[in-house]
Amino acid sequence: MKRVGFILKVKAELIAEYKRHHQAVWPEMLEALRRHGWHNYSLFMREDGTIFGYVETANGLEAAVAGMSNEPVNARWQAFMAPYFEALSHSRPDESMAQIEEIFHLQ
């Protein structure tokens, strides 16, 4: 299992609304994530809207994102979430996650 960390940034004026949406993620989106091997997926947010995401996947982040790319619910969720983020490098937030290097792990 590969451990992956990534960073995104939510617009300051939309932080509260973004958090509300993540308290009620669509059940079909959760099912799709599980189906495509997203395990122990967590999002952490600083007060300024910087998000640190963590996920464990069998084949890495690129494969996990690629698996979700054919899910209609993912296309809807990504379009719904896109306006919340600053400086997306791609049209979809899941394609703009800046993966960060793991430098230490304690088991």
PDB file of N, CA and C in Angstrom:
ATOM      1  N   MET A   1       0.851  -1.177   0.000  1.00  0.00           N
ATOM      2  CA  MET A   1       0.000   0.000   0.000  1.00  0.00           C
ATOM      3  C   MET A   1       0.893   1.236   0.000  1.00  0.00           C
ATOM      4  N   LYS A   2       0.619   2.158  -0.882  1.00  0.00           N
ATOM      5  CA  LYS A   2       1.376   3.407  -0.969  1.00  0.00           C
ATOM      6  C   LYS A   2       0.649   4.486  -0.168  1.00  0.00           C
ATOM      7  N   ARG A   3       1.402   5.223   0.635  1.00  0.00           N
ATOM      8  CA  ARG A   3       0.863   6.346   1.393  1.00  0.00           C
ATOM      9  C   ARG A   3       1.131   7.607   0.581  1.00  0.00           C
ATOM     10  N   VAL A   4       0.106   8.425   0.413  1.00  0.00           N
ATOM     11  CA  VAL A   4       0.222   9.613  -0.430  1.00  0.00           C
ATOM     12  C   VAL A   4      -0.264  10.838   0.337  1.00  0.00           C
ATOM     13  N   GLY A   5       0.514  11.901   0.283  1.00  0.00           N
ATOM     14  CA  GLY A   5       0.108  13.194   0.820  1.00  0.00           C
ATOM     15  C   GLY A   5      -0.001  14.188  -0.316  1.00  0.00           C
ATOM     16  N   PHE A   6      -0.953  15.098  -0.204  1.00  0.00           N
ATOM     17  CA  PHE A   6      -1.114  16.127  -1.236  1.00  0.00           C
ATOM     18  C   PHE A   6      -1.661  17.401  -0.615  1.00  0.00           C
ATOM     19  N   ILE A   7      -1.526  18.499  -1.354  1.00  0.00           N
ATOM     20  CA  ILE A   7      -1.958  19.810  -0.887  1.00  0.00           C
ATOM     21  C   ILE A   7      -2.867  20.459  -1.919  1.00  0.00           C
ATOM     22  N   LEU A   8      -3.895  21.122  -1.432  1.00  0.00           N
ATOM     23  CA  LEU A   8      -4.784  21.979  -2.218  1.00  0.00           C
ATOM     24  C   LEU A   8      -5.087  23.219  -1.371  1.00  0.00           C
ATOM     25  N   LYS A   9      -5.678  24.247  -1.965  1.00  0.00           N
ATOM     26  CA  LYS A   9      -6.007  25.459  -1.211  1.00  0.00           C
ATOM     27  C   LYS A   9      -7.425  25.898  -1.521  1.00  0.00           C
ATOM     28  N   VAL A  10      -8.242  26.006  -0.465  1.00  0.00           N
ATOM     29  CA  VAL A  10      -9.629  26.463  -0.577  1.00  0.00           C
ATOM     30  C   VAL A  10      -9.655  27.981  -0.421  1.00  0.00           C
ATOM     31  N   LYS A  11     -10.494  28.630  -1.198  1.00  0.00           N
ATOM     32  CA  LYS A  11     -10.660  30.085  -1.090  1.00  0.00           C
ATOM     33  C   LYS A  11     -11.166  30.430   0.312  1.00  0.00           C
ATOM     34  N   ALA A  12     -10.555  31.432   0.925  1.00  0.00           N
ATOM     35  CA  ALA A  12     -10.848  31.787   2.322  1.00  0.00           C
ATOM     36  C   ALA A  12     -12.333  32.032   2.565  1.00  0.00           C
ATOM     37  N   GLU A  13     -12.999  32.685   1.647  1.00  0.00           N
ATOM     38  CA  GLU A  13     -14.406  33.026   1.857  1.00  0.00           C
ATOM     39  C   GLU A  13     -15.345  31.818   1.709  1.00  0.00           C
ATOM     40  N   LEU A  14     -14.811  30.680   1.262  1.00  0.00           N
ATOM     41  CA  LEU A  14     -15.637  29.485   1.049  1.00  0.00           C
ATOM     42  C   LEU A  14     -15.293  28.325   1.995  1.00  0.00           C
ATOM     43  N   ILE A  15     -14.429  28.574   2.958  1.00  0.00           N
ATOM     44  CA  ILE A  15     -13.980  27.498   3.849  1.00  0.00           C
ATOM     45  C   ILE A  15     -15.143  26.849   4.594  1.00  0.00           C
ATOM     46  N   ALA A  16     -16.001  27.626   5.223  1.00  0.00           N
ATOM     47  CA  ALA A  16     -17.102  27.057   6.020  1.00  0.00           C
ATOM     48  C   ALA A  16     -18.028  26.206   5.154  1.00  0.00           C
ATOM     49  N   GLU A  17     -18.334  26.707   3.978  1.00  0.00           N
ATOM     50  CA  GLU A  17     -19.213  25.962   3.059  1.00  0.00           C
ATOM     51  C   GLU A  17     -18.540  24.671   2.582  1.00  0.00           C
ATOM     52  N   TYR A  18     -17.253  24.737   2.283  1.00  0.00           N
ATOM     53  CA  TYR A  18     -16.499  23.557   1.862  1.00  0.00           C
ATOM     54  C   TYR A  18     -16.538  22.487   2.953  1.00  0.00           C
ATOM     55  N   LYS A  19     -16.325  22.910   4.189  1.00  0.00           N
ATOM     56  CA  LYS A  19     -16.368  21.969   5.309  1.00  0.00           C
ATOM     57  C   LYS A  19     -17.748  21.314   5.421  1.00  0.00           C
ATOM     58  N   ARG A  20     -18.794  22.096   5.268  1.00  0.00           N
ATOM     59  CA  ARG A  20     -20.164  21.542   5.340  1.00  0.00           C
ATOM     60  C   ARG A  20     -20.370  20.464   4.286  1.00  0.00           C
ATOM     61  N   HIS A  21     -19.906  20.698   3.088  1.00  0.00           N
ATOM     62  CA  HIS A  21     -20.070  19.702   2.024  1.00  0.00           C
ATOM     63  C   HIS A  21     -19.324  18.410   2.349  1.00  0.00           C
ATOM     64  N   HIS A  22     -18.207  18.528   3.037  1.00  0.00           N
ATOM     65  CA  HIS A  22     -17.435  17.331   3.362  1.00  0.00           C
ATOM     66  C   HIS A  22     -17.952  16.612   4.608  1.00  0.00           C
ATOM     67  N   GLN A  23     -18.889  17.199   5.282  1.00  0.00           N
ATOM     68  CA  GLN A  23     -19.577  16.496   6.368  1.00  0.00           C
ATOM     69  C   GLN A  23     -20.714  15.639   5.815  1.00  0.00           C
ATOM     70  N   ALA A  24     -21.023  15.824   4.538  1.00  0.00           N
ATOM     71  CA  ALA A  24     -22.123  15.083   3.911  1.00  0.00           C
ATOM     72  C   ALA A  24     -21.759  14.709   2.476  1.00  0.00           C
ATOM     73  N   VAL A  25     -20.612  14.063   2.309  1.00  0.00           N
ATOM     74  CA  VAL A  25     -20.196  13.625   0.972  1.00  0.00           C
ATOM     75  C   VAL A  25     -21.235  12.641   0.445  1.00  0.00           C
ATOM     76  N   TRP A  26     -21.561  12.781  -0.825  1.00  0.00           N
ATOM     77  CA  TRP A  26     -22.579  11.933  -1.442  1.00  0.00           C
ATOM     78  C   TRP A  26     -22.223  10.458  -1.267  1.00  0.00           C
ATOM     79  N   PRO A  27     -23.170   9.633  -0.839  1.00  0.00           N
ATOM     80  CA  PRO A  27     -22.886   8.200  -0.649  1.00  0.00           C
ATOM     81  C   PRO A  27     -22.330   7.526  -1.897  1.00  0.00           C
ATOM     82  N   GLU A  28     -22.819   7.896  -3.077  1.00  0.00           N
ATOM     83  CA  GLU A  28     -22.313   7.275  -4.304  1.00  0.00           C
ATOM     84  C   GLU A  28     -20.864   7.676  -4.594  1.00  0.00           C
ATOM     85  N   MET A  29     -20.458   8.860  -4.109  1.00  0.00           N
ATOM     86  CA  MET A  29     -19.061   9.276  -4.251  1.00  0.00           C
ATOM     87  C   MET A  29     -18.184   8.441  -3.320  1.00  0.00           C
ATOM     88  N   LEU A  30     -18.632   8.234  -2.097  1.00  0.00           N
ATOM     89  CA  LEU A  30     -17.886   7.408  -1.149  1.00  0.00           C
ATOM     90  C   LEU A  30     -17.734   5.983  -1.673  1.00  0.00           C
ATOM     91  N   GLU A  31     -18.789   5.449  -2.249  1.00  0.00           N
ATOM     92  CA  GLU A  31     -18.739   4.094  -2.816  1.00  0.00           C
ATOM     93  C   GLU A  31     -17.733   4.013  -3.959  1.00  0.00           C
ATOM     94  N   ALA A  32     -17.717   5.032  -4.822  1.00  0.00           N
ATOM     95  CA  ALA A  32     -16.781   5.051  -5.957  1.00  0.00           C
ATOM     96  C   ALA A  32     -15.332   5.116  -5.458  1.00  0.00           C
ATOM     97  N   LEU A  33     -15.080   5.933  -4.455  1.00  0.00           N
ATOM     98  CA  LEU A  33     -13.721   6.020  -3.900  1.00  0.00           C
ATOM     99  C   LEU A  33     -13.276   4.657  -3.374  1.00  0.00           C
ATOM    100  N   ARG A  34     -14.138   4.008  -2.637  1.00  0.00           N
ATOM    101  CA  ARG A  34     -13.785   2.679  -2.108  1.00  0.00           C
ATOM    102  C   ARG A  34     -13.547   1.681  -3.244  1.00  0.00           C
ATOM    103  N   ARG A  35     -14.396   1.729  -4.249  1.00  0.00           N
ATOM    104  CA  ARG A  35     -14.287   0.805  -5.379  1.00  0.00           C
ATOM    105  C   ARG A  35     -12.948   0.958  -6.103  1.00  0.00           C
ATOM    106  N   HIS A  36     -12.398   2.164  -6.092  1.00  0.00           N
ATOM    107  CA  HIS A  36     -11.146   2.430  -6.799  1.00  0.00           C
ATOM    108  C   HIS A  36      -9.933   2.482  -5.872  1.00  0.00           C
ATOM    109  N   GLY A  37     -10.081   1.901  -4.683  1.00  0.00           N
ATOM    110  CA  GLY A  37      -8.930   1.684  -3.831  1.00  0.00           C
ATOM    111  C   GLY A  37      -8.451   2.843  -2.987  1.00  0.00           C
ATOM    112  N   TRP A  38      -9.328   3.783  -2.683  1.00  0.00           N
ATOM    113  CA  TRP A  38      -8.959   4.886  -1.795  1.00  0.00           C
ATOM    114  C   TRP A  38      -9.196   4.399  -0.360  1.00  0.00           C
ATOM    115  N   HIS A  39      -8.118   4.243   0.408  1.00  0.00           N
ATOM    116  CA  HIS A  39      -8.208   3.758   1.785  1.00  0.00           C
ATOM    117  C   HIS A  39      -7.631   4.796   2.745  1.00  0.00           C
ATOM    118  N   ASN A  40      -8.184   4.827   3.945  1.00  0.00           N
ATOM    119  CA  ASN A  40      -7.695   5.757   4.982  1.00  0.00           C
ATOM    120  C   ASN A  40      -7.545   7.173   4.433  1.00  0.00           C
ATOM    121  N   TYR A  41      -8.536   7.608   3.688  1.00  0.00           N
ATOM    122  CA  TYR A  41      -8.509   8.922   3.051  1.00  0.00           C
ATOM    123  C   TYR A  41      -8.951   9.976   4.061  1.00  0.00           C
ATOM    124  N   SER A  42      -8.099  10.966   4.278  1.00  0.00           N
ATOM    125  CA  SER A  42      -8.381  12.044   5.222  1.00  0.00           C
ATOM    126  C   SER A  42      -8.003  13.380   4.615  1.00  0.00           C
ATOM    127  N   LEU A  43      -8.756  14.414   4.993  1.00  0.00           N
ATOM    128  CA  LEU A  43      -8.432  15.785   4.632  1.00  0.00           C
ATOM    129  C   LEU A  43      -8.269  16.586   5.914  1.00  0.00           C
ATOM    130  N   PHE A  44      -7.212  17.385   5.978  1.00  0.00           N
ATOM    131  CA  PHE A  44      -6.949  18.256   7.114  1.00  0.00           C
ATOM    132  C   PHE A  44      -6.843  19.677   6.569  1.00  0.00           C
ATOM    133  N   MET A  45      -7.378  20.667   7.308  1.00  0.00           N
ATOM    134  CA  MET A  45      -7.360  22.040   6.804  1.00  0.00           C
ATOM    135  C   MET A  45      -6.815  23.012   7.841  1.00  0.00           C
ATOM    136  N   ARG A  46      -5.907  23.869   7.374  1.00  0.00           N
ATOM    137  CA  ARG A  46      -5.446  24.979   8.209  1.00  0.00           C
ATOM    138  C   ARG A  46      -6.482  26.094   8.143  1.00  0.00           C
ATOM    139  N   GLU A  47      -6.357  27.061   9.048  1.00  0.00           N
ATOM    140  CA  GLU A  47      -7.291  28.187   9.082  1.00  0.00           C
ATOM    141  C   GLU A  47      -7.289  28.999   7.798  1.00  0.00           C
ATOM    142  N   ASP A  48      -6.171  29.000   7.062  1.00  0.00           N
ATOM    143  CA  ASP A  48      -6.075  29.788   5.828  1.00  0.00           C
ATOM    144  C   ASP A  48      -6.636  29.052   4.613  1.00  0.00           C
ATOM    145  N   GLY A  49      -7.171  27.829   4.813  1.00  0.00           N
ATOM    146  CA  GLY A  49      -7.757  27.069   3.705  1.00  0.00           C
ATOM    147  C   GLY A  49      -6.823  26.076   3.052  1.00  0.00           C
ATOM    148  N   THR A  50      -5.565  26.025   3.503  1.00  0.00           N
ATOM    149  CA  THR A  50      -4.647  25.033   2.959  1.00  0.00           C
ATOM    150  C   THR A  50      -5.078  23.651   3.435  1.00  0.00           C
ATOM    151  N   ILE A  51      -5.258  22.750   2.484  1.00  0.00           N
ATOM    152  CA  ILE A  51      -5.664  21.386   2.795  1.00  0.00           C
ATOM    153  C   ILE A  51      -4.470  20.464   2.612  1.00  0.00           C
ATOM    154  N   PHE A  52      -4.284  19.603   3.607  1.00  0.00           N
ATOM    155  CA  PHE A  52      -3.371  18.484   3.468  1.00  0.00           C
ATOM    156  C   PHE A  52      -4.248  17.249   3.366  1.00  0.00           C
ATOM    157  N   GLY A  53      -4.082  16.499   2.296  1.00  0.00           N
ATOM    158  CA  GLY A  53      -4.819  15.257   2.121  1.00  0.00           C
ATOM    159  C   GLY A  53      -3.898  14.073   2.277  1.00  0.00           C
ATOM    160  N   TYR A  54      -4.457  12.995   2.802  1.00  0.00           N
ATOM    161  CA  TYR A  54      -3.708  11.757   2.968  1.00  0.00           C
ATOM    162  C   TYR A  54      -4.587  10.608   2.492  1.00  0.00           C
ATOM    163  N   VAL A  55      -4.006   9.719   1.703  1.00  0.00           N
ATOM    164  CA  VAL A  55      -4.731   8.543   1.230  1.00  0.00           C
ATOM    165  C   VAL A  55      -3.747   7.398   1.055  1.00  0.00           C
ATOM    166  N   GLU A  56      -4.235   6.210   1.269  1.00  0.00           N
ATOM    167  CA  GLU A  56      -3.444   5.014   0.992  1.00  0.00           C
ATOM    168  C   GLU A  56      -4.087   4.316  -0.200  1.00  0.00           C
ATOM    169  N   THR A  57      -3.258   3.941  -1.172  1.00  0.00           N
ATOM    170  CA  THR A  57      -3.737   3.275  -2.383  1.00  0.00           C
ATOM    171  C   THR A  57      -2.751   2.169  -2.762  1.00  0.00           C
ATOM    172  N   ALA A  58      -3.249   1.198  -3.482  1.00  0.00           N
ATOM    173  CA  ALA A  58      -2.388   0.091  -3.898  1.00  0.00           C
ATOM    174  C   ALA A  58      -1.342   0.535  -4.914  1.00  0.00           C
ATOM    175  N   ASN A  59      -1.717   1.443  -5.817  1.00  0.00           N
ATOM    176  CA  ASN A  59      -0.846   1.778  -6.946  1.00  0.00           C
ATOM    177  C   ASN A  59      -0.486   3.254  -7.055  1.00  0.00           C
ATOM    178  N   GLY A  60      -0.681   4.040  -6.006  1.00  0.00           N
ATOM    179  CA  GLY A  60      -0.308   5.447  -6.037  1.00  0.00           C
ATOM    180  C   GLY A  60      -1.451   6.369  -6.427  1.00  0.00           C
ATOM    181  N   LEU A  61      -1.197   7.653  -6.254  1.00  0.00           N
ATOM    182  CA  LEU A  61      -2.224   8.673  -6.478  1.00  0.00           C
ATOM    183  C   LEU A  61      -2.682   8.730  -7.928  1.00  0.00           C
ATOM    184  N   GLU A  62      -1.752   8.667  -8.856  1.00  0.00           N
ATOM    185  CA  GLU A  62      -2.129   8.771 -10.267  1.00  0.00           C
ATOM    186  C   GLU A  62      -3.121   7.676 -10.653  1.00  0.00           C
ATOM    187  N   ALA A  63      -2.857   6.449 -10.212  1.00  0.00           N
ATOM    188  CA  ALA A  63      -3.758   5.332 -10.527  1.00  0.00           C
ATOM    189  C   ALA A  63      -5.107   5.504  -9.840  1.00  0.00           C
ATOM    190  N   ALA A  64      -5.099   5.998  -8.605  1.00  0.00           N
ATOM    191  CA  ALA A  64      -6.353   6.207  -7.880  1.00  0.00           C
ATOM    192  C   ALA A  64      -7.204   7.281  -8.558  1.00  0.00           C
ATOM    193  N   VAL A  65      -6.572   8.353  -8.999  1.00  0.00           N
ATOM    194  CA  VAL A  65      -7.290   9.422  -9.707  1.00  0.00           C
ATOM    195  C   VAL A  65      -7.780   8.915 -11.062  1.00  0.00           C
ATOM    196  N   ALA A  66      -6.947   8.164 -11.755  1.00  0.00           N
ATOM    197  CA  ALA A  66      -7.340   7.619 -13.062  1.00  0.00           C
ATOM    198  C   ALA A  66      -8.544   6.702 -12.933  1.00  0.00           C
ATOM    199  N   GLY A  67      -8.573   5.877 -11.892  1.00  0.00           N
ATOM    200  CA  GLY A  67      -9.721   5.007 -11.684  1.00  0.00           C
ATOM    201  C   GLY A  67     -11.003   5.791 -11.494  1.00  0.00           C
ATOM    202  N   MET A  68     -10.916   6.892 -10.800  1.00  0.00           N
ATOM    203  CA  MET A  68     -12.105   7.723 -10.549  1.00  0.00           C
ATOM    204  C   MET A  68     -12.528   8.509 -11.783  1.00  0.00           C
ATOM    205  N   SER A  69     -11.639   8.695 -12.734  1.00  0.00           N
ATOM    206  CA  SER A  69     -11.945   9.554 -13.881  1.00  0.00           C
ATOM    207  C   SER A  69     -13.087   9.039 -14.746  1.00  0.00           C
ATOM    208  N   ASN A  70     -13.381   7.754 -14.669  1.00  0.00           N
ATOM    209  CA  ASN A  70     -14.491   7.198 -15.456  1.00  0.00           C
ATOM    210  C   ASN A  70     -15.793   7.112 -14.684  1.00  0.00           C
ATOM    211  N   GLU A  71     -15.809   7.610 -13.473  1.00  0.00           N
ATOM    212  CA  GLU A  71     -17.008   7.574 -12.637  1.00  0.00           C
ATOM    213  C   GLU A  71     -17.837   8.844 -12.860  1.00  0.00           C
ATOM    214  N   PRO A  72     -19.074   8.713 -13.344  1.00  0.00           N
ATOM    215  CA  PRO A  72     -19.911   9.904 -13.527  1.00  0.00           C
ATOM    216  C   PRO A  72     -20.094  10.725 -12.248  1.00  0.00           C
ATOM    217  N   VAL A  73     -20.209  10.059 -11.101  1.00  0.00           N
ATOM    218  CA  VAL A  73     -20.369  10.795  -9.846  1.00  0.00           C
ATOM    219  C   VAL A  73     -19.129  11.631  -9.549  1.00  0.00           C
ATOM    220  N   ASN A  74     -17.954  11.147  -9.916  1.00  0.00           N
ATOM    221  CA  ASN A  74     -16.734  11.912  -9.695  1.00  0.00           C
ATOM    222  C   ASN A  74     -16.719  13.165 -10.570  1.00  0.00           C
ATOM    223  N   ALA A  75     -17.146  13.041 -11.807  1.00  0.00           N
ATOM    224  CA  ALA A  75     -17.203  14.219 -12.685  1.00  0.00           C
ATOM    225  C   ALA A  75     -18.128  15.278 -12.081  1.00  0.00           C
ATOM    226  N   ARG A  76     -19.263  14.840 -11.552  1.00  0.00           N
ATOM    227  CA  ARG A  76     -20.197  15.788 -10.921  1.00  0.00           C
ATOM    228  C   ARG A  76     -19.593  16.406  -9.669  1.00  0.00           C
ATOM    229  N   TRP A  77     -18.941  15.586  -8.830  1.00  0.00           N
ATOM    230  CA  TRP A  77     -18.341  16.095  -7.584  1.00  0.00           C
ATOM    231  C   TRP A  77     -17.208  17.074  -7.889  1.00  0.00           C
ATOM    232  N   GLN A  78     -16.343  16.745  -8.847  1.00  0.00           N
ATOM    233  CA  GLN A  78     -15.228  17.623  -9.188  1.00  0.00           C
ATOM    234  C   GLN A  78     -15.729  18.960  -9.736  1.00  0.00           C
ATOM    235  N   ALA A  79     -16.755  18.933 -10.564  1.00  0.00           N
ATOM    236  CA  ALA A  79     -17.339  20.183 -11.082  1.00  0.00           C
ATOM    237  C   ALA A  79     -17.959  21.001  -9.955  1.00  0.00           C
ATOM    238  N   PHE A  80     -18.598  20.332  -9.017  1.00  0.00           N
ATOM    239  CA  PHE A  80     -19.229  20.976  -7.870  1.00  0.00           C
ATOM    240  C   PHE A  80     -18.179  21.621  -6.960  1.00  0.00           C
ATOM    241  N   MET A  81     -17.045  20.951  -6.775  1.00  0.00           N
ATOM    242  CA  MET A  81     -15.996  21.428  -5.867  1.00  0.00           C
ATOM    243  C   MET A  81     -15.051  22.443  -6.498  1.00  0.00           C
ATOM    244  N   ALA A  82     -14.909  22.431  -7.811  1.00  0.00           N
ATOM    245  CA  ALA A  82     -13.920  23.288  -8.484  1.00  0.00           C
ATOM    246  C   ALA A  82     -13.969  24.761  -8.059  1.00  0.00           C
ATOM    247  N   PRO A  83     -15.147  25.385  -7.916  1.00  0.00           N
ATOM    248  CA  PRO A  83     -15.169  26.805  -7.542  1.00  0.00           C
ATOM    249  C   PRO A  83     -14.607  27.112  -6.147  1.00  0.00           C
ATOM    250  N   TYR A  84     -14.429  26.113  -5.328  1.00  0.00           N
ATOM    251  CA  TYR A  84     -13.946  26.328  -3.969  1.00  0.00           C
ATOM    252  C   TYR A  84     -12.434  26.510  -3.886  1.00  0.00           C
ATOM    253  N   PHE A  85     -11.708  26.113  -4.914  1.00  0.00           N
ATOM    254  CA  PHE A  85     -10.253  26.065  -4.835  1.00  0.00           C
ATOM    255  C   PHE A  85      -9.573  27.244  -5.500  1.00  0.00           C
ATOM    256  N   GLU A  86      -8.432  27.626  -4.927  1.00  0.00           N
ATOM    257  CA  GLU A  86      -7.546  28.626  -5.518  1.00  0.00           C
ATOM    258  C   GLU A  86      -6.590  27.930  -6.483  1.00  0.00           C
ATOM    259  N   ALA A  87      -6.231  28.591  -7.521  1.00  0.00           N
ATOM    260  CA  ALA A  87      -5.124  28.218  -8.405  1.00  0.00           C
ATOM    261  C   ALA A  87      -5.117  26.752  -8.824  1.00  0.00           C
ATOM    262  N   LEU A  88      -6.209  26.286  -9.401  1.00  0.00           N
ATOM    263  CA  LEU A  88      -6.215  24.927  -9.933  1.00  0.00           C
ATOM    264  C   LEU A  88      -5.357  24.901 -11.187  1.00  0.00           C
ATOM    265  N   SER A  89      -4.451  23.933 -11.266  1.00  0.00           N
ATOM    266  CA  SER A  89      -3.600  23.834 -12.444  1.00  0.00           C
ATOM    267  C   SER A  89      -4.298  23.085 -13.577  1.00  0.00           C
ATOM    268  N   HIS A  90      -5.354  22.363 -13.257  1.00  0.00           N
ATOM    269  CA  HIS A  90      -6.175  21.656 -14.242  1.00  0.00           C
ATOM    270  C   HIS A  90      -7.628  22.062 -14.005  1.00  0.00           C
ATOM    271  N   SER A  91      -8.515  21.585 -14.827  1.00  0.00           N
ATOM    272  CA  SER A  91      -9.912  21.961 -14.676  1.00  0.00           C
ATOM    273  C   SER A  91     -10.582  21.274 -13.494  1.00  0.00           C
ATOM    274  N   ARG A  92     -10.045  20.118 -13.064  1.00  0.00           N
ATOM    275  CA  ARG A  92     -10.657  19.383 -11.957  1.00  0.00           C
ATOM    276  C   ARG A  92      -9.741  19.392 -10.738  1.00  0.00           C
ATOM    277  N   PRO A  93     -10.326  19.570  -9.539  1.00  0.00           N
ATOM    278  CA  PRO A  93      -9.500  19.563  -8.334  1.00  0.00           C
ATOM    279  C   PRO A  93      -8.684  18.277  -8.160  1.00  0.00           C
ATOM    280  N   ASP A  94      -9.268  17.112  -8.503  1.00  0.00           N
ATOM    281  CA  ASP A  94      -8.530  15.864  -8.295  1.00  0.00           C
ATOM    282  C   ASP A  94      -7.334  15.729  -9.232  1.00  0.00           C
ATOM    283  N   GLU A  95      -7.294  16.533 -10.284  1.00  0.00           N
ATOM    284  CA  GLU A  95      -6.145  16.532 -11.191  1.00  0.00           C
ATOM    285  C   GLU A  95      -5.121  17.598 -10.795  1.00  0.00           C
ATOM    286  N   SER A  96      -5.454  18.412  -9.784  1.00  0.00           N
ATOM    287  CA  SER A  96      -4.582  19.507  -9.369  1.00  0.00           C
ATOM    288  C   SER A  96      -3.944  19.279  -8.004  1.00  0.00           C
ATOM    289  N   MET A  97      -4.150  18.112  -7.431  1.00  0.00           N
ATOM    290  CA  MET A  97      -3.579  17.836  -6.119  1.00  0.00           C
ATOM    291  C   MET A  97      -2.055  17.802  -6.239  1.00  0.00           C
ATOM    292  N   ALA A  98      -1.389  18.669  -5.507  1.00  0.00           N
ATOM    293  CA  ALA A  98       0.067  18.726  -5.530  1.00  0.00           C
ATOM    294  C   ALA A  98       0.602  17.666  -4.572  1.00  0.00           C
ATOM    295  N   GLN A  99       1.058  16.551  -5.131  1.00  0.00           N
ATOM    296  CA  GLN A  99       1.568  15.459  -4.310  1.00  0.00           C
ATOM    297  C   GLN A  99       2.856  15.904  -3.629  1.00  0.00           C
ATOM    298  N   ILE A 100       2.998  15.528  -2.359  1.00  0.00           N
ATOM    299  CA  ILE A 100       4.200  15.899  -1.616  1.00  0.00           C
ATOM    300  C   ILE A 100       4.955  14.631  -1.206  1.00  0.00           C
ATOM    301  N   GLU A 101       6.246  14.785  -1.093  1.00  0.00           N
ATOM    302  CA  GLU A 101       7.133  13.653  -0.827  1.00  0.00           C
ATOM    303  C   GLU A 101       7.052  13.226   0.639  1.00  0.00           C
ATOM    304  N   GLU A 102       6.906  11.933   0.860  1.00  0.00           N
ATOM    305  CA  GLU A 102       6.984  11.383   2.216  1.00  0.00           C
ATOM    306  C   GLU A 102       8.451  11.283   2.593  1.00  0.00           C
ATOM    307  N   ILE A 103       8.815  11.885   3.726  1.00  0.00           N
ATOM    308  CA  ILE A 103      10.223  11.848   4.145  1.00  0.00           C
ATOM    309  C   ILE A 103      10.433  11.077   5.450  1.00  0.00           C
ATOM    310  N   PHE A 104       9.342  10.713   6.141  1.00  0.00           N
ATOM    311  CA  PHE A 104       9.464   9.962   7.378  1.00  0.00           C
ATOM    312  C   PHE A 104       8.165   9.222   7.638  1.00  0.00           C
ATOM    313  N   HIS A 105       8.294   8.009   8.167  1.00  0.00           N
ATOM    314  CA  HIS A 105       7.126   7.215   8.558  1.00  0.00           C
ATOM    315  C   HIS A 105       7.502   6.361   9.753  1.00  0.00           C
ATOM    316  N   LEU A 106       6.706   6.438  10.811  1.00  0.00           N
ATOM    317  CA  LEU A 106       6.904   5.601  11.999  1.00  0.00           C
ATOM    318  C   LEU A 106       5.764   4.604  12.068  1.00  0.00           C
ATOM    319  N   GLN A 107       6.098   3.335  12.128  1.00  0.00           N
ATOM    320  CA  GLN A 107       5.058   2.316  12.277  1.00  0.00           C
ATOM    321  C   GLN A 107       4.899   1.922  13.711  1.00  0.00           C
TER     322      GLN A 107
END
